[in-house]
Amino acid sequence: MNSSPLPTPIYTAAYPIEFQQVLREKTENFVGRKFVFSAISHFLDSHSRGYFTIVGTPGCGKSSILAQYVTAHPRSIYYNAGIEGKNRAEDFLASVCTQLIDKYLAANGETSEILKLKSQLQNLESHDGSWFLSLLLQQISDKLADRQKLIIVIDSVDAIARTSQPPSSNLFYLPRYLGDRTYFILARRPFLREKSGLLIETPSQTLDLRDYPAQNREDALNYIQQYLSTAPDLTAPELGQQLATVSEDNFMYLSQMLPAINENSRPDANLGESSLVSELPPGLAAYYQNHWLRMRGDGLSAIELSVLNVLVQSTASLSVSAIANIIDQDEYDVEKALDNWIEFLNKQEMGGEICYSLYHNSFRQWLGKQSILE
């Protein structure tokens, strides 16, 4: 995705080594998303501090957007909770606080002061990390130049292991208040407002990628065309438009499916509903398997299995009442099951009712081929 509005070359060495590979992968072949970067810039310029959150269904490009942003702004602090072993609050605090000390305090502070801070950090209990993080943020805020901003970027906030901290605390102990010129940029999947996990009293803005279908389609087409320009065997007419439609403008789907199509040399294949998803690339199948594990949790009740079966079998969005009638269950129990899976659902108003469907047709088809729902 090298046609970003942010022209700075890819540079990952400014970040912890455990994040460098994912930053390189997520910024490879990056295209578009100008509307997101413009919204971020406008928020930073319009507010003296605050939280900016990007929301979107799985695979819609949130991680790539953040990766592109931080590689273009190496003074940012970066953390990715979606990486295996990085979803606990203590890991987040250790990484972010260390980056804050190294990038913003070590250059101007006394060696003894820096050693003292790092010693304190190593000996902190996770529940004490909240005040330590706030202390560092305030110290840095007080020392920032007039036009300088402190930006902390956190990907996959929803991946947190909630058992790693008290349920009443903010996700990753994120601060309720922020000092001047201090900003958090977050990315997460759809969530219920009452279950956001964040109580903040500072300016905030949410950009939901689902609210920008035209821009998403344009960026998906540009991504496809950029790939096709490097794959001369894929020259079937209207292939780009067909792929964009089948992909539902989902970048994870495209990033996995395009190489598979190229490898199989099927430029004239019929890109109907079944042809591309009958044999998913291993990476995409593993991605869906992780979805299923998260949806299943410790096990599904009989009602939850019934609701999921309806979602898998239906190609249309259905209301709570419609699902309840199909499985002959109470609407409250149906809505409760749907709320538990909100990050994997499309939710839209149709005919005055809120209707639901699984977020992507290929995920729906994958679920339908598993024995898990029997």
Protein backbone atom coordinates (compact mmCIF):
# COMPACT_ATOMS: atom_id res chain seq x y z
CA MET A 1 0.00 0.00 0.00
CA ASN A 2 2.66 2.55 -1.00
CA SER A 3 0.38 5.30 -2.30
CA SER A 4 -0.48 6.55 1.18
CA PRO A 5 -1.10 10.24 1.77
CA LEU A 6 1.68 9.93 4.33
CA PRO A 7 4.87 9.97 2.22
CA THR A 8 7.36 9.00 4.94
CA PRO A 9 9.13 5.74 3.98
CA ILE A 10 8.47 2.57 5.95
CA TYR A 11 10.49 2.75 9.15
CA THR A 12 9.92 0.24 11.93
CA ALA A 13 13.15 0.38 13.95
CA ALA A 14 11.63 3.07 16.19
CA TYR A 15 9.32 0.45 17.72
CA PRO A 16 9.82 -2.64 19.91
CA ILE A 17 11.18 -5.58 17.95
CA GLU A 18 8.09 -7.71 18.68
CA PHE A 19 6.00 -5.27 16.63
CA GLN A 20 8.34 -4.67 13.71
CA GLN A 21 7.30 -7.67 11.62
CA VAL A 22 3.58 -6.91 11.87
CA LEU A 23 4.27 -3.28 10.97
CA ARG A 24 6.13 -4.35 7.84
CA GLU A 25 3.42 -6.83 6.87
CA LYS A 26 0.56 -4.41 7.45
CA THR A 27 2.15 -1.60 5.45
CA GLU A 28 3.13 -3.74 2.47
CA ASN A 29 1.12 -2.75 -0.63
CA PHE A 30 -0.81 -0.14 1.36
CA VAL A 31 -3.18 2.05 -0.64
CA GLY A 32 -5.69 4.79 0.06
CA ARG A 33 -7.54 5.38 3.36
CA LYS A 34 -7.07 9.11 2.86
CA PHE A 35 -10.40 9.84 4.52
CA VAL A 36 -9.22 8.18 7.73
CA PHE A 37 -5.90 10.02 7.86
CA SER A 38 -7.69 13.29 7.16
CA ALA A 39 -10.10 12.64 10.03
CA ILE A 40 -7.22 11.86 12.40
CA SER A 41 -5.37 15.04 11.40
CA HIS A 42 -8.51 17.13 11.83
CA PHE A 43 -9.10 15.70 15.31
CA LEU A 44 -5.51 16.37 16.39
CA ASP A 45 -5.67 19.92 15.06
CA SER A 46 -9.09 20.65 16.55
CA HIS A 47 -8.56 19.39 20.10
CA SER A 48 -5.91 20.02 22.71
CA ARG A 49 -6.03 16.32 23.79
CA GLY A 50 -8.25 13.31 23.36
CA TYR A 51 -9.13 9.83 22.15
CA PHE A 52 -9.69 8.99 18.47
CA THR A 53 -11.11 5.51 17.85
CA ILE A 54 -11.34 3.63 14.54
CA VAL A 55 -14.08 0.99 14.57
CA GLY A 56 -14.61 -1.68 11.94
CA THR A 57 -15.44 -5.34 11.36
CA PRO A 58 -12.63 -7.92 11.16
CA GLY A 59 -10.36 -7.58 8.16
CA CYS A 60 -11.50 -4.13 7.06
CA GLY A 61 -8.01 -2.62 7.36
CA LYS A 62 -7.83 -1.08 10.84
CA SER A 63 -4.45 -2.58 11.68
CA SER A 64 -2.95 -1.51 8.36
CA ILE A 65 -4.19 2.04 8.86
CA LEU A 66 -2.53 2.28 12.27
CA ALA A 67 0.65 0.60 11.02
CA GLN A 68 0.89 3.06 8.15
CA TYR A 69 0.30 5.95 10.52
CA VAL A 70 3.02 5.02 13.02
CA THR A 71 5.62 4.19 10.38
CA ALA A 72 5.06 7.69 9.02
CA HIS A 73 5.22 9.17 12.54
CA PRO A 74 8.06 7.33 14.33
CA ARG A 75 7.78 9.56 17.41
CA SER A 76 4.45 7.88 18.13
CA ILE A 77 4.13 5.16 20.76
CA TYR A 78 2.76 1.89 19.35
CA TYR A 79 1.21 -1.21 20.87
CA ASN A 80 -0.63 -4.10 19.24
CA ALA A 81 -2.76 -6.21 21.57
CA GLY A 82 -3.70 -8.54 18.71
CA ILE A 83 -0.27 -10.16 18.70
CA GLU A 84 -0.09 -13.45 20.58
CA GLY A 85 1.00 -12.93 24.17
CA LYS A 86 0.42 -9.17 24.10
CA ASN A 87 -3.16 -8.97 25.30
CA ARG A 88 -2.55 -8.54 29.04
CA ALA A 89 -2.57 -5.23 30.86
CA GLU A 90 0.85 -5.74 32.45
CA ASP A 91 2.47 -6.35 29.04
CA PHE A 92 0.85 -3.21 27.66
CA LEU A 93 2.02 -1.05 30.57
CA ALA A 94 5.58 -2.40 30.45
CA SER A 95 5.91 -1.80 26.70
CA VAL A 96 4.23 1.60 26.49
CA CYS A 97 5.91 3.01 29.59
CA THR A 98 9.31 1.84 28.35
CA GLN A 99 8.71 3.50 24.97
CA LEU A 100 7.62 6.71 26.70
CA ILE A 101 10.77 6.78 28.82
CA ASP A 102 13.10 5.98 25.92
CA LYS A 103 11.55 8.31 23.34
CA TYR A 104 10.58 11.30 25.43
CA LEU A 105 12.44 11.34 28.74
CA ALA A 106 15.78 9.62 28.18
CA ALA A 107 17.04 12.23 25.70
CA ASN A 108 16.62 15.11 28.14
CA GLY A 109 16.69 13.47 31.55
CA GLU A 110 19.44 12.62 33.97
CA THR A 111 20.74 9.06 33.71
CA SER A 112 19.94 8.47 37.38
CA GLU A 113 16.37 9.69 36.87
CA ILE A 114 15.84 7.36 33.90
CA LEU A 115 17.29 4.40 35.78
CA LYS A 116 15.02 5.17 38.70
CA LEU A 117 11.94 5.28 36.48
CA LYS A 118 12.84 1.98 34.79
CA SER A 119 13.48 0.38 38.17
CA GLN A 120 10.07 1.54 39.37
CA LEU A 121 8.49 0.14 36.24
CA GLN A 122 10.09 -3.28 36.67
CA ASN A 123 8.85 -3.53 40.24
CA LEU A 124 5.31 -2.33 39.62
CA GLU A 125 2.33 -4.57 40.19
CA SER A 126 -0.02 -4.38 37.21
CA HIS A 127 -2.72 -2.60 39.21
CA ASP A 128 -0.19 0.13 40.08
CA GLY A 129 0.63 0.68 36.44
CA SER A 130 -2.26 3.06 35.96
CA TRP A 131 -0.81 5.81 38.12
CA PHE A 132 2.68 5.23 36.70
CA LEU A 133 1.42 5.59 33.11
CA SER A 134 -0.47 8.75 34.03
CA LEU A 135 2.64 10.09 35.77
CA LEU A 136 4.79 9.57 32.67
CA LEU A 137 2.17 11.10 30.39
CA GLN A 138 1.95 14.19 32.58
CA GLN A 139 5.74 14.55 32.83
CA ILE A 140 6.04 14.38 29.05
CA SER A 141 3.07 16.67 28.47
CA ASP A 142 4.68 19.33 30.66
CA LYS A 143 7.88 19.21 28.57
CA LEU A 144 6.37 19.21 25.08
CA ALA A 145 7.11 22.13 22.80
CA ASP A 146 4.18 24.29 21.70
CA ARG A 147 3.53 22.48 18.41
CA GLN A 148 4.59 19.02 19.59
CA LYS A 149 2.10 16.22 20.27
CA LEU A 150 2.39 12.97 22.21
CA ILE A 151 0.50 10.25 20.32
CA ILE A 152 -0.06 6.73 21.65
CA VAL A 153 -1.45 4.28 19.08
CA ILE A 154 -3.07 1.05 20.28
CA ASP A 155 -4.29 -1.61 17.87
CA SER A 156 -6.85 -4.33 18.73
CA VAL A 157 -7.98 -2.82 22.02
CA ASP A 158 -10.81 -5.37 22.12
CA ALA A 159 -8.30 -8.25 22.21
CA ILE A 160 -7.49 -7.57 25.86
CA ALA A 161 -7.67 -10.40 28.38
CA ARG A 162 -10.13 -8.81 30.78
CA THR A 163 -9.05 -11.15 33.55
CA SER A 164 -5.69 -9.35 33.62
CA GLN A 165 -7.22 -6.35 35.41
CA PRO A 166 -10.25 -5.45 37.57
CA PRO A 167 -13.49 -5.28 35.54
CA SER A 168 -14.23 -1.77 36.81
CA SER A 169 -11.01 -0.32 35.39
CA ASN A 170 -10.46 1.12 31.92
CA LEU A 171 -9.14 -1.27 29.26
CA PHE A 172 -5.36 -1.47 29.69
CA TYR A 173 -5.76 1.09 32.52
CA LEU A 174 -6.05 3.84 29.93
CA PRO A 175 -6.28 7.22 31.68
CA ARG A 176 -9.61 8.89 32.24
CA TYR A 177 -8.06 12.34 31.89
CA LEU A 178 -5.28 13.54 29.59
CA GLY A 179 -2.80 16.38 29.75
CA ASP A 180 -2.32 18.97 27.02
CA ARG A 181 -1.21 17.69 23.58
CA THR A 182 -1.66 14.06 24.61
CA TYR A 183 -3.67 11.80 22.30
CA PHE A 184 -4.62 8.16 22.04
CA ILE A 185 -5.51 6.64 18.66
CA LEU A 186 -7.28 3.29 19.08
CA ALA A 187 -8.63 0.60 16.77
CA ARG A 188 -11.22 -1.97 17.74
CA ARG A 189 -14.02 -4.11 16.39
CA PRO A 190 -17.69 -3.12 16.82
CA PHE A 191 -18.87 -3.02 20.43
CA LEU A 192 -21.90 -2.14 22.50
CA ARG A 193 -21.69 1.36 23.91
CA GLU A 194 -22.44 0.15 27.44
CA LYS A 195 -19.62 -2.40 27.12
CA SER A 196 -16.95 -0.11 25.71
CA GLY A 197 -14.67 -0.75 28.68
CA LEU A 198 -13.61 2.91 28.70
CA LEU A 199 -14.69 5.74 30.94
CA ILE A 200 -13.02 8.93 29.74
CA GLU A 201 -13.58 12.61 30.40
CA THR A 202 -11.67 14.22 27.59
CA PRO A 203 -12.51 15.02 23.93
CA SER A 204 -13.19 11.89 21.88
CA GLN A 205 -14.27 10.92 18.38
CA THR A 206 -15.17 7.60 16.76
CA LEU A 207 -14.79 6.87 13.05
CA ASP A 208 -16.74 3.77 12.02
CA LEU A 209 -15.39 2.46 8.72
CA ARG A 210 -18.81 0.96 7.94
CA ASP A 211 -20.13 4.50 7.48
CA TYR A 212 -17.90 5.04 4.41
CA PRO A 213 -18.95 2.40 1.82
CA ALA A 214 -17.98 4.47 -1.22
CA GLN A 215 -14.48 5.20 0.10
CA ASN A 216 -14.01 1.57 1.14
CA ARG A 217 -14.98 0.36 -2.34
CA GLU A 218 -12.63 2.82 -4.00
CA ASP A 219 -9.72 1.77 -1.79
CA ALA A 220 -10.49 -1.93 -2.32
CA LEU A 221 -10.49 -1.43 -6.10
CA ASN A 222 -7.19 0.45 -5.94
CA TYR A 223 -5.70 -2.33 -3.81
CA ILE A 224 -6.87 -4.96 -6.31
CA GLN A 225 -5.62 -3.01 -9.32
CA GLN A 226 -2.24 -2.47 -7.68
CA TYR A 227 -1.91 -6.20 -7.11
CA LEU A 228 -3.11 -7.08 -10.61
CA SER A 229 -0.51 -4.75 -12.11
CA THR A 230 2.17 -7.05 -10.68
CA ALA A 231 0.39 -10.24 -11.80
CA PRO A 232 0.29 -10.22 -15.63
CA ASP A 233 -1.44 -13.63 -15.80
CA LEU A 234 -4.56 -12.17 -14.17
CA THR A 235 -6.00 -10.25 -17.08
CA ALA A 236 -9.64 -11.38 -17.15
CA PRO A 237 -12.01 -8.50 -18.00
CA GLU A 238 -13.75 -6.90 -15.03
CA LEU A 239 -11.76 -9.07 -12.61
CA GLY A 240 -11.17 -6.11 -10.30
CA GLN A 241 -14.86 -5.23 -10.01
CA GLN A 242 -15.83 -8.86 -9.49
CA LEU A 243 -13.23 -9.33 -6.77
CA ALA A 244 -14.27 -6.14 -5.00
CA THR A 245 -17.87 -7.34 -4.94
CA VAL A 246 -17.06 -10.85 -3.73
CA SER A 247 -14.63 -9.50 -1.13
CA GLU A 248 -17.23 -7.06 0.24
CA ASP A 249 -14.31 -4.59 0.33
CA ASN A 250 -12.60 -6.66 3.02
CA PHE A 251 -8.82 -6.30 2.87
CA MET A 252 -8.02 -9.46 4.83
CA TYR A 253 -10.04 -11.45 2.31
CA LEU A 254 -8.30 -9.74 -0.60
CA SER A 255 -4.80 -10.07 0.84
CA GLN A 256 -5.28 -13.82 1.20
CA MET A 257 -7.35 -14.54 -1.91
CA LEU A 258 -5.43 -12.56 -4.54
CA PRO A 259 -2.17 -14.54 -4.14
CA ALA A 260 -4.17 -17.79 -4.13
CA ILE A 261 -5.90 -16.88 -7.40
CA ASN A 262 -2.58 -15.86 -8.93
CA GLU A 263 -0.89 -19.05 -7.80
CA ASN A 264 -3.65 -21.20 -9.29
CA SER A 265 -3.58 -19.19 -12.53
CA ARG A 266 -7.33 -18.95 -12.81
CA PRO A 267 -7.80 -15.58 -14.52
CA ASP A 268 -11.00 -16.70 -16.25
CA ALA A 269 -12.59 -18.34 -13.21
CA ASN A 270 -16.18 -17.56 -12.45
CA LEU A 271 -16.01 -15.40 -9.33
CA GLY A 272 -19.46 -16.36 -8.12
CA GLU A 273 -20.41 -16.91 -4.53
CA SER A 274 -18.99 -20.42 -4.25
CA SER A 275 -16.01 -20.60 -6.59
CA LEU A 276 -13.52 -18.50 -4.61
CA VAL A 277 -14.47 -19.66 -1.15
CA SER A 278 -14.74 -23.41 -1.76
CA GLU A 279 -11.06 -23.82 -0.88
CA LEU A 280 -9.97 -20.97 1.33
CA PRO A 281 -6.27 -20.16 1.60
CA PRO A 282 -4.87 -21.56 4.87
CA GLY A 283 -4.31 -18.09 6.30
CA LEU A 284 -7.93 -17.08 5.80
CA ALA A 285 -9.22 -20.36 7.20
CA ALA A 286 -7.06 -19.87 10.29
CA TYR A 287 -8.40 -16.33 10.62
CA TYR A 288 -11.97 -17.64 10.62
CA GLN A 289 -11.02 -20.37 13.07
CA ASN A 290 -9.88 -17.67 15.50
CA HIS A 291 -13.23 -15.93 15.02
CA TRP A 292 -15.04 -19.14 15.89
CA LEU A 293 -12.94 -19.76 19.00
CA ARG A 294 -13.75 -16.26 20.21
CA MET A 295 -17.46 -16.65 19.47
CA ARG A 296 -17.62 -20.04 21.16
CA GLY A 297 -15.78 -19.00 24.30
CA ASP A 298 -16.27 -21.64 26.98
CA GLY A 299 -19.13 -23.21 25.06
CA LEU A 300 -22.44 -22.26 23.50
CA SER A 301 -25.89 -22.89 24.90
CA ALA A 302 -28.58 -24.63 22.87
CA ILE A 303 -30.23 -21.28 22.15
CA GLU A 304 -26.93 -19.74 21.00
CA LEU A 305 -26.32 -22.67 18.67
CA SER A 306 -29.81 -22.26 17.24
CA VAL A 307 -29.30 -18.53 16.66
CA LEU A 308 -25.95 -19.17 14.99
CA ASN A 309 -27.44 -21.82 12.74
CA VAL A 310 -30.03 -19.33 11.53
CA LEU A 311 -27.33 -16.74 10.80
CA VAL A 312 -25.28 -19.33 8.90
CA GLN A 313 -28.21 -20.54 6.80
CA SER A 314 -29.55 -17.09 5.93
CA THR A 315 -28.08 -14.95 3.16
CA ALA A 316 -30.24 -12.01 4.27
CA SER A 317 -30.16 -9.84 7.39
CA LEU A 318 -32.74 -10.85 9.99
CA SER A 319 -34.36 -9.02 12.88
CA VAL A 320 -34.37 -10.31 16.43
CA SER A 321 -38.08 -11.09 16.18
CA ALA A 322 -37.58 -13.01 12.94
CA ILE A 323 -34.82 -15.15 14.44
CA ALA A 324 -36.89 -15.71 17.60
CA ASN A 325 -39.84 -16.90 15.50
CA ILE A 326 -37.67 -19.28 13.47
CA ILE A 327 -36.20 -21.01 16.54
CA ASP A 328 -39.29 -20.50 18.76
CA GLN A 329 -37.38 -18.76 21.54
CA ASP A 330 -37.75 -15.57 23.55
CA GLU A 331 -36.51 -12.40 21.83
CA TYR A 332 -34.52 -11.42 24.93
CA ASP A 333 -32.43 -14.60 24.73
CA VAL A 334 -31.86 -14.10 21.00
CA GLU A 335 -30.73 -10.50 21.48
CA LYS A 336 -28.42 -11.54 24.30
CA ALA A 337 -26.71 -14.07 22.02
CA LEU A 338 -26.35 -11.51 19.23
CA ASP A 339 -24.85 -8.95 21.63
CA ASN A 340 -22.16 -11.46 22.58
CA TRP A 341 -21.09 -11.72 18.93
CA ILE A 342 -21.49 -8.07 17.96
CA GLU A 343 -17.90 -7.79 16.66
CA PHE A 344 -18.63 -10.45 14.03
CA LEU A 345 -22.00 -9.11 12.88
CA ASN A 346 -23.33 -6.54 10.47
CA LYS A 347 -26.00 -4.53 12.23
CA GLN A 348 -28.30 -2.31 10.19
CA GLU A 349 -31.76 -0.79 10.32
CA MET A 350 -34.20 -2.21 7.77
CA GLY A 351 -37.89 -1.39 7.67
CA GLY A 352 -37.76 0.18 11.10
CA GLU A 353 -36.11 -2.86 12.70
CA ILE A 354 -32.51 -3.63 13.61
CA CYS A 355 -31.34 -6.58 11.55
CA TYR A 356 -28.27 -8.79 11.83
CA SER A 357 -26.09 -10.93 9.60
CA LEU A 358 -22.60 -12.40 9.86
CA TYR A 359 -20.04 -9.77 8.89
CA HIS A 360 -18.79 -11.53 5.74
CA ASN A 361 -20.31 -14.07 3.38
CA SER A 362 -17.17 -16.18 3.18
CA PHE A 363 -17.09 -16.47 6.99
CA ARG A 364 -20.73 -17.52 6.91
CA GLN A 365 -19.94 -20.18 4.31
CA TRP A 366 -16.90 -21.36 6.29
CA LEU A 367 -19.03 -21.81 9.40
CA GLY A 368 -21.61 -23.71 7.38
CA LYS A 369 -19.01 -26.28 6.33
CA GLN A 370 -17.85 -27.05 9.85
CA SER A 371 -19.23 -29.80 12.05
CA ILE A 372 -19.19 -27.39 14.98
CA LEU A 373 -22.85 -26.47 14.56
CA GLU A 374 -24.27 -29.99 14.48
